[in-house]
Amino acid sequence: MNTSDVSQTGQTRIATTTKTVLREAGIGIALIVLILVFSMTTQHFLTASNVTNILTQVTINLILSIGMTFVILIGGIDLSVGSVLAFCAVVAGTVMTLPGLDPSTAVILATLSAVAGGIFFGLLNGFISAYWAIPSFIVTLGTLNIARGAALQVTNASTIYSFPASFNAFGSQTLYGIPLLFLIALVLVGIGWFVLTKTVFGRVLYGIGNNEEAARLAGHNVFFYKIAAFTICGGAVGIGAIVYMARLNIASPIIGIGFELNAIAAVIIGGTSLSGGRGSIIGTLLGACIIGVLANGLILLGLSDFMRQMITGFVIIIAVVLDKYRERLTKV
């Protein structure tokens, strides 16, 4: 490679990085504007207790969105995350309440079982979608029903509770006003950012999203990377299930309904393209914060559940439209 090629490659990377920073800066500005609007229109929005509440509410969606980012980057989508969350929660709840286990052992085994359950469904989604070249939308629509039905079957449609006191207490602990559960999500954000930006694995995921055939011709095992992306998403769902249980101290087969929509919305609002190949974990973090701030602010404004659901739907549509405009600007 000659000097001009090196220079051109460097300029391309700089241009790409600049576009990413500008895109994330725009999302950050939108978040700040939203915070300012709600702080001026509601009385308790910026109180310490409400900020802590917002961060707690953001946590679950953020964890799911991190995994969803990996899937959407390769041009896929996972509609099963909400149902898989419920399945992982009831499996973990069942393990955690087994008689004869000391509290620490019960929590460890429950966590491992939740993550294992999420990984299983992630592997299933990825393998079927990649091996038979079936759109992930259809595959995950099927596993959505399988996971939900399994969760209801395992529990006989009943809620599991009475977890160890130390586990329940962990869900409400804070560090300088920041919920520990949110800090766990931030650790996952850091790991996801490192994987996507500093490893060959991450670069290949972007490559598959941009041009799958080119990635295959370059010698990369596209089949493996697709399965890996869905598996990561499933593992994130398993962690999300444990966090959900720690926050609400229950494991129910009906939790997680609609969670996939919020996760997809957070990822798209954060600048990740639905067609794959473009996006970032930091953008996903900002997108999840926008969803959380919006939900909290609308509650403080006194809007009904139905109105909040309608507004969330409008936000998802607007996010998809903006994604198309971002895609056109990127090609210019």
Protein backbone atom coordinates (compact mmCIF):
# COMPACT_ATOMS: atom_id res chain seq x y z
CA MET A 1 0.00 0.00 0.00
CA ASN A 2 1.51 3.33 -1.09
CA THR A 3 1.50 6.66 0.75
CA SER A 4 -1.52 8.01 -1.13
CA ASP A 5 -3.57 4.91 -0.26
CA VAL A 6 -2.63 5.22 3.41
CA SER A 7 -3.57 8.89 3.36
CA GLN A 8 -6.90 8.17 1.68
CA THR A 9 -7.70 5.41 4.17
CA GLY A 10 -6.89 7.72 7.05
CA GLN A 11 -9.09 10.44 5.63
CA THR A 12 -11.96 7.98 5.20
CA ARG A 13 -11.68 6.88 8.81
CA ILE A 14 -11.57 10.48 10.01
CA ALA A 15 -14.65 11.33 7.93
CA THR A 16 -16.53 8.31 9.29
CA THR A 17 -15.56 9.15 12.87
CA THR A 18 -16.60 12.78 12.37
CA LYS A 19 -20.02 11.74 11.07
CA THR A 20 -20.49 9.40 14.03
CA VAL A 21 -19.53 12.10 16.55
CA LEU A 22 -21.82 14.65 14.89
CA ARG A 23 -24.70 12.14 14.84
CA GLU A 24 -24.24 11.32 18.52
CA ALA A 25 -23.88 15.02 19.35
CA GLY A 26 -27.22 15.66 17.66
CA ILE A 27 -28.85 12.91 19.71
CA GLY A 28 -27.27 14.34 22.86
CA ILE A 29 -28.65 17.79 22.06
CA ALA A 30 -32.12 16.29 21.55
CA LEU A 31 -31.85 14.63 24.98
CA ILE A 32 -30.80 17.90 26.62
CA VAL A 33 -33.70 19.76 24.96
CA LEU A 34 -36.13 17.10 26.19
CA ILE A 35 -34.77 17.41 29.73
CA LEU A 36 -35.11 21.21 29.62
CA VAL A 37 -38.69 21.00 28.37
CA PHE A 38 -39.81 18.63 31.12
CA SER A 39 -37.87 20.53 33.79
CA MET A 40 -39.80 23.68 32.86
CA THR A 41 -43.20 22.04 32.47
CA THR A 42 -43.17 19.73 35.51
CA GLN A 43 -42.39 20.43 39.12
CA HIS A 44 -40.46 17.37 40.27
CA PHE A 45 -38.59 16.30 37.12
CA LEU A 46 -35.09 17.35 38.23
CA THR A 47 -35.40 16.25 41.85
CA ALA A 48 -32.77 13.77 43.01
CA SER A 49 -35.35 11.05 43.67
CA ASN A 50 -36.87 11.41 40.19
CA VAL A 51 -33.48 11.40 38.45
CA THR A 52 -32.68 8.17 40.30
CA ASN A 53 -36.06 6.81 39.22
CA ILE A 54 -35.36 7.69 35.58
CA LEU A 55 -32.00 5.94 35.64
CA THR A 56 -33.61 2.87 37.16
CA GLN A 57 -36.32 2.86 34.49
CA VAL A 58 -33.74 3.27 31.72
CA THR A 59 -31.66 0.32 32.90
CA ILE A 60 -33.70 -2.60 31.55
CA ASN A 61 -34.30 -1.04 28.15
CA LEU A 62 -30.65 -0.03 27.89
CA ILE A 63 -29.44 -3.59 28.53
CA LEU A 64 -31.83 -5.01 25.95
CA SER A 65 -30.87 -2.25 23.50
CA ILE A 66 -27.18 -3.08 23.79
CA GLY A 67 -27.85 -6.62 22.59
CA MET A 68 -30.28 -5.36 19.96
CA THR A 69 -27.58 -3.05 18.57
CA PHE A 70 -25.40 -6.04 17.65
CA VAL A 71 -28.30 -7.67 15.80
CA ILE A 72 -29.43 -4.56 13.93
CA LEU A 73 -25.84 -3.76 12.91
CA ILE A 74 -25.80 -6.93 10.78
CA GLY A 75 -29.16 -6.02 9.26
CA GLY A 76 -31.23 -8.28 11.52
CA ILE A 77 -33.86 -7.70 14.17
CA ASP A 78 -34.97 -9.59 17.27
CA LEU A 79 -38.65 -9.40 18.19
CA SER A 80 -38.35 -12.09 20.86
CA VAL A 81 -36.37 -10.18 23.51
CA GLY A 82 -39.41 -9.33 25.65
CA SER A 83 -40.67 -12.91 25.74
CA VAL A 84 -37.18 -14.31 26.26
CA LEU A 85 -36.78 -11.89 29.17
CA ALA A 86 -39.88 -13.40 30.76
CA PHE A 87 -38.62 -16.95 30.15
CA CYS A 88 -35.18 -16.20 31.61
CA ALA A 89 -36.78 -14.52 34.63
CA VAL A 90 -39.08 -17.42 35.50
CA VAL A 91 -36.27 -19.95 35.03
CA ALA A 92 -34.00 -17.88 37.28
CA GLY A 93 -36.83 -17.38 39.77
CA THR A 94 -37.49 -21.11 39.88
CA VAL A 95 -33.81 -21.86 40.51
CA MET A 96 -33.49 -19.09 43.10
CA THR A 97 -36.40 -20.44 45.15
CA LEU A 98 -35.28 -24.07 45.15
CA PRO A 99 -35.26 -25.46 48.69
CA GLY A 100 -31.93 -26.24 50.35
CA LEU A 101 -29.81 -23.61 48.57
CA ASP A 102 -28.02 -20.94 50.55
CA PRO A 103 -28.75 -17.38 49.30
CA SER A 104 -25.43 -16.70 47.58
CA THR A 105 -25.42 -20.03 45.73
CA ALA A 106 -29.05 -19.52 44.72
CA VAL A 107 -28.32 -16.09 43.24
CA ILE A 108 -25.26 -17.35 41.32
CA LEU A 109 -27.09 -20.37 39.89
CA ALA A 110 -30.11 -18.23 39.01
CA THR A 111 -27.93 -15.71 37.19
CA LEU A 112 -26.16 -18.42 35.23
CA SER A 113 -29.46 -20.07 34.32
CA ALA A 114 -30.95 -16.76 33.13
CA VAL A 115 -27.96 -15.99 30.94
CA ALA A 116 -27.91 -19.57 29.64
CA GLY A 117 -31.59 -19.34 28.74
CA GLY A 118 -31.01 -16.10 26.86
CA ILE A 119 -28.00 -17.54 25.04
CA PHE A 120 -30.02 -20.61 24.04
CA PHE A 121 -32.70 -18.52 22.36
CA GLY A 122 -30.06 -16.27 20.81
CA LEU A 123 -28.31 -19.29 19.32
CA LEU A 124 -31.63 -20.64 18.09
CA ASN A 125 -32.58 -17.35 16.45
CA GLY A 126 -29.16 -16.88 14.86
CA PHE A 127 -28.77 -20.45 13.62
CA ILE A 128 -32.20 -20.71 12.00
CA SER A 129 -31.94 -17.27 10.43
CA ALA A 130 -28.39 -17.78 9.11
CA TYR A 131 -28.54 -21.45 8.11
CA TRP A 132 -31.80 -21.31 6.16
CA ALA A 133 -31.46 -17.64 5.16
CA ILE A 134 -34.83 -16.83 6.75
CA PRO A 135 -35.49 -13.18 7.67
CA SER A 136 -34.82 -12.76 11.37
CA PHE A 137 -38.13 -10.91 11.66
CA ILE A 138 -40.00 -14.16 10.96
CA VAL A 139 -37.74 -16.39 13.05
CA THR A 140 -37.89 -14.20 16.14
CA LEU A 141 -41.63 -13.78 15.74
CA GLY A 142 -41.83 -17.54 16.14
CA THR A 143 -39.47 -17.73 19.12
CA LEU A 144 -41.39 -14.84 20.69
CA ASN A 145 -44.37 -17.18 21.03
CA ILE A 146 -42.24 -20.17 22.02
CA ALA A 147 -40.51 -18.29 24.85
CA ARG A 148 -43.72 -16.73 26.14
CA GLY A 149 -45.54 -20.05 26.05
CA ALA A 150 -42.64 -21.79 27.81
CA ALA A 151 -42.61 -19.13 30.54
CA LEU A 152 -46.34 -19.61 31.13
CA GLN A 153 -45.97 -23.40 31.09
CA VAL A 154 -43.07 -23.47 33.54
CA THR A 155 -44.91 -21.34 36.10
CA ASN A 156 -48.46 -22.41 35.30
CA ALA A 157 -49.07 -18.68 34.64
CA SER A 158 -48.18 -17.74 38.22
CA THR A 159 -45.72 -15.19 39.63
CA ILE A 160 -42.57 -16.23 41.51
CA TYR A 161 -41.34 -14.19 44.46
CA SER A 162 -39.74 -14.60 47.94
CA PHE A 163 -36.17 -14.17 46.72
CA PRO A 164 -33.20 -13.88 49.12
CA ALA A 165 -33.22 -10.63 51.08
CA SER A 166 -29.72 -9.70 49.91
CA PHE A 167 -30.82 -10.03 46.28
CA ASN A 168 -33.88 -7.87 46.84
CA ALA A 169 -31.82 -5.25 48.67
CA PHE A 170 -29.29 -5.07 45.84
CA GLY A 171 -31.97 -3.95 43.43
CA SER A 172 -32.59 -0.75 45.40
CA GLN A 173 -29.02 0.20 46.29
CA THR A 174 -27.44 3.38 44.95
CA LEU A 175 -23.96 4.87 44.72
CA TYR A 176 -23.94 8.66 45.07
CA GLY A 177 -27.55 8.66 43.94
CA ILE A 178 -26.88 6.44 40.92
CA PRO A 179 -28.64 3.04 41.03
CA LEU A 180 -26.22 0.12 41.04
CA LEU A 181 -28.38 -1.55 38.41
CA PHE A 182 -27.75 1.40 36.07
CA LEU A 183 -24.02 1.12 36.73
CA ILE A 184 -24.20 -2.51 35.62
CA ALA A 185 -25.81 -1.32 32.39
CA LEU A 186 -23.03 1.25 31.94
CA VAL A 187 -20.43 -1.51 32.33
CA LEU A 188 -22.19 -3.41 29.54
CA VAL A 189 -22.18 -0.23 27.44
CA GLY A 190 -18.41 0.00 27.92
CA ILE A 191 -17.91 -3.64 26.96
CA GLY A 192 -20.14 -3.27 23.91
CA TRP A 193 -18.33 -0.09 22.83
CA PHE A 194 -14.94 -1.80 23.12
CA VAL A 195 -16.07 -4.87 21.16
CA LEU A 196 -17.60 -2.87 18.33
CA THR A 197 -14.86 -0.26 17.98
CA LYS A 198 -11.63 -1.93 19.07
CA THR A 199 -11.89 -5.53 17.88
CA VAL A 200 -11.87 -7.31 14.54
CA PHE A 201 -15.12 -8.97 15.56
CA GLY A 202 -16.84 -5.61 15.80
CA ARG A 203 -15.43 -4.37 12.50
CA VAL A 204 -16.67 -7.51 10.74
CA LEU A 205 -20.18 -6.98 12.11
CA TYR A 206 -20.19 -3.52 10.55
CA GLY A 207 -18.85 -5.03 7.34
CA ILE A 208 -21.63 -7.63 7.20
CA GLY A 209 -24.23 -4.93 7.69
CA ASN A 210 -22.76 -2.82 4.91
CA ASN A 211 -22.14 -5.59 2.39
CA GLU A 212 -22.59 -9.20 3.46
CA GLU A 213 -21.29 -10.66 0.18
CA ALA A 214 -18.13 -8.54 0.35
CA ALA A 215 -17.50 -9.73 3.91
CA ARG A 216 -17.91 -13.34 2.75
CA LEU A 217 -15.57 -12.87 -0.21
CA ALA A 218 -13.02 -11.32 2.17
CA GLY A 219 -12.82 -14.69 3.90
CA HIS A 220 -14.99 -14.02 6.97
CA ASN A 221 -17.32 -16.69 8.28
CA VAL A 222 -20.56 -14.72 7.99
CA PHE A 223 -22.55 -17.66 9.36
CA PHE A 224 -20.55 -17.57 12.61
CA TYR A 225 -20.79 -13.81 13.03
CA LYS A 226 -24.54 -13.78 12.53
CA ILE A 227 -25.04 -16.46 15.15
CA ALA A 228 -22.65 -14.62 17.48
CA ALA A 229 -24.60 -11.35 17.15
CA PHE A 230 -27.89 -13.02 18.10
CA THR A 231 -26.17 -14.94 20.90
CA ILE A 232 -24.81 -11.71 22.38
CA CYS A 233 -28.31 -10.28 22.22
CA GLY A 234 -29.68 -13.32 24.03
CA GLY A 235 -27.02 -13.12 26.72
CA ALA A 236 -27.87 -9.45 27.27
CA VAL A 237 -31.54 -10.41 27.67
CA GLY A 238 -30.55 -12.96 30.34
CA ILE A 239 -28.68 -10.26 32.27
CA GLY A 240 -31.66 -7.96 31.82
CA ALA A 241 -33.93 -10.59 33.34
CA ILE A 242 -31.81 -10.76 36.51
CA VAL A 243 -31.73 -6.95 36.73
CA TYR A 244 -35.51 -6.84 36.30
CA MET A 245 -35.97 -9.38 39.09
CA ALA A 246 -33.65 -7.42 41.39
CA ARG A 247 -35.58 -4.23 40.69
CA LEU A 248 -39.15 -5.53 41.16
CA ASN A 249 -38.45 -8.62 43.32
CA ILE A 250 -40.67 -10.83 41.18
CA ALA A 251 -40.41 -13.17 38.20
CA SER A 252 -43.58 -13.26 36.13
CA PRO A 253 -44.32 -15.00 32.81
CA ILE A 254 -46.17 -11.90 31.56
CA ILE A 255 -43.35 -9.38 31.97
CA GLY A 256 -41.55 -7.93 28.98
CA ILE A 257 -44.56 -7.36 26.73
CA GLY A 258 -43.63 -4.62 24.28
CA PHE A 259 -40.03 -4.39 25.54
CA GLU A 260 -38.74 -5.27 22.07
CA LEU A 261 -40.38 -2.15 20.63
CA ASN A 262 -38.70 0.13 23.16
CA ALA A 263 -35.34 -1.55 22.55
CA ILE A 264 -35.64 -1.18 18.78
CA ALA A 265 -36.75 2.44 19.20
CA ALA A 266 -33.77 3.22 21.43
CA VAL A 267 -31.34 1.70 18.94
CA ILE A 268 -32.82 3.51 15.94
CA ILE A 269 -33.13 6.83 17.78
CA GLY A 270 -29.49 6.34 18.74
CA GLY A 271 -28.48 6.43 15.08
CA THR A 272 -28.14 2.74 14.20
CA SER A 273 -29.44 2.05 10.71
CA LEU A 274 -32.20 -0.52 10.31
CA SER A 275 -30.44 -1.75 7.18
CA GLY A 276 -27.29 -2.42 9.21
CA GLY A 277 -23.68 -1.34 8.95
CA ARG A 278 -23.97 1.96 10.79
CA GLY A 279 -24.47 2.85 14.44
CA SER A 280 -22.84 2.89 17.86
CA ILE A 281 -23.37 1.76 21.43
CA ILE A 282 -23.01 5.34 22.69
CA GLY A 283 -25.84 6.36 20.39
CA THR A 284 -27.90 3.49 21.80
CA LEU A 285 -27.21 4.75 25.33
CA LEU A 286 -28.48 8.20 24.38
CA GLY A 287 -31.48 6.72 22.59
CA ALA A 288 -32.43 4.66 25.66
CA CYS A 289 -32.10 7.77 27.83
CA ILE A 290 -34.42 9.68 25.48
CA ILE A 291 -37.03 6.91 25.73
CA GLY A 292 -36.71 6.87 29.53
CA VAL A 293 -36.86 10.65 29.93
CA LEU A 294 -39.85 10.84 27.59
CA ALA A 295 -41.78 8.17 29.50
CA ASN A 296 -41.03 9.74 32.87
CA GLY A 297 -41.87 13.25 31.72
CA LEU A 298 -45.19 12.18 30.23
CA ILE A 299 -46.13 10.50 33.51
CA LEU A 300 -45.34 13.71 35.43
CA LEU A 301 -47.48 15.64 32.95
CA GLY A 302 -50.37 13.41 33.97
CA LEU A 303 -50.94 11.70 30.61
CA SER A 304 -52.77 8.37 30.61
CA ASP A 305 -51.17 5.04 29.76
CA PHE A 306 -52.99 5.05 26.43
CA MET A 307 -51.65 8.46 25.45
CA ARG A 308 -48.11 7.47 26.45
CA GLN A 309 -48.38 4.34 24.33
CA MET A 310 -49.55 6.40 21.35
CA ILE A 311 -46.71 8.89 21.76
CA THR A 312 -44.17 6.07 22.01
CA GLY A 313 -45.54 4.68 18.75
CA PHE A 314 -45.14 8.07 17.08
CA VAL A 315 -41.56 8.27 18.35
CA ILE A 316 -40.76 4.89 16.78
CA ILE A 317 -42.19 6.01 13.42
CA ILE A 318 -40.30 9.30 13.57
CA ALA A 319 -37.10 7.43 14.42
CA VAL A 320 -37.46 5.20 11.35
CA VAL A 321 -38.14 8.22 9.12
CA LEU A 322 -35.10 10.03 10.52
CA ASP A 323 -33.04 6.89 9.92
CA LYS A 324 -33.91 7.09 6.22
CA TYR A 325 -32.86 10.74 6.07
CA ARG A 326 -29.61 9.91 7.88
CA GLU A 327 -28.95 7.15 5.35
CA ARG A 328 -29.41 9.57 2.44
CA LEU A 329 -27.11 12.15 4.03
CA THR A 330 -24.46 9.49 4.61
CA LYS A 331 -24.45 8.60 0.91
CA VAL A 332 -24.01 12.23 -0.13
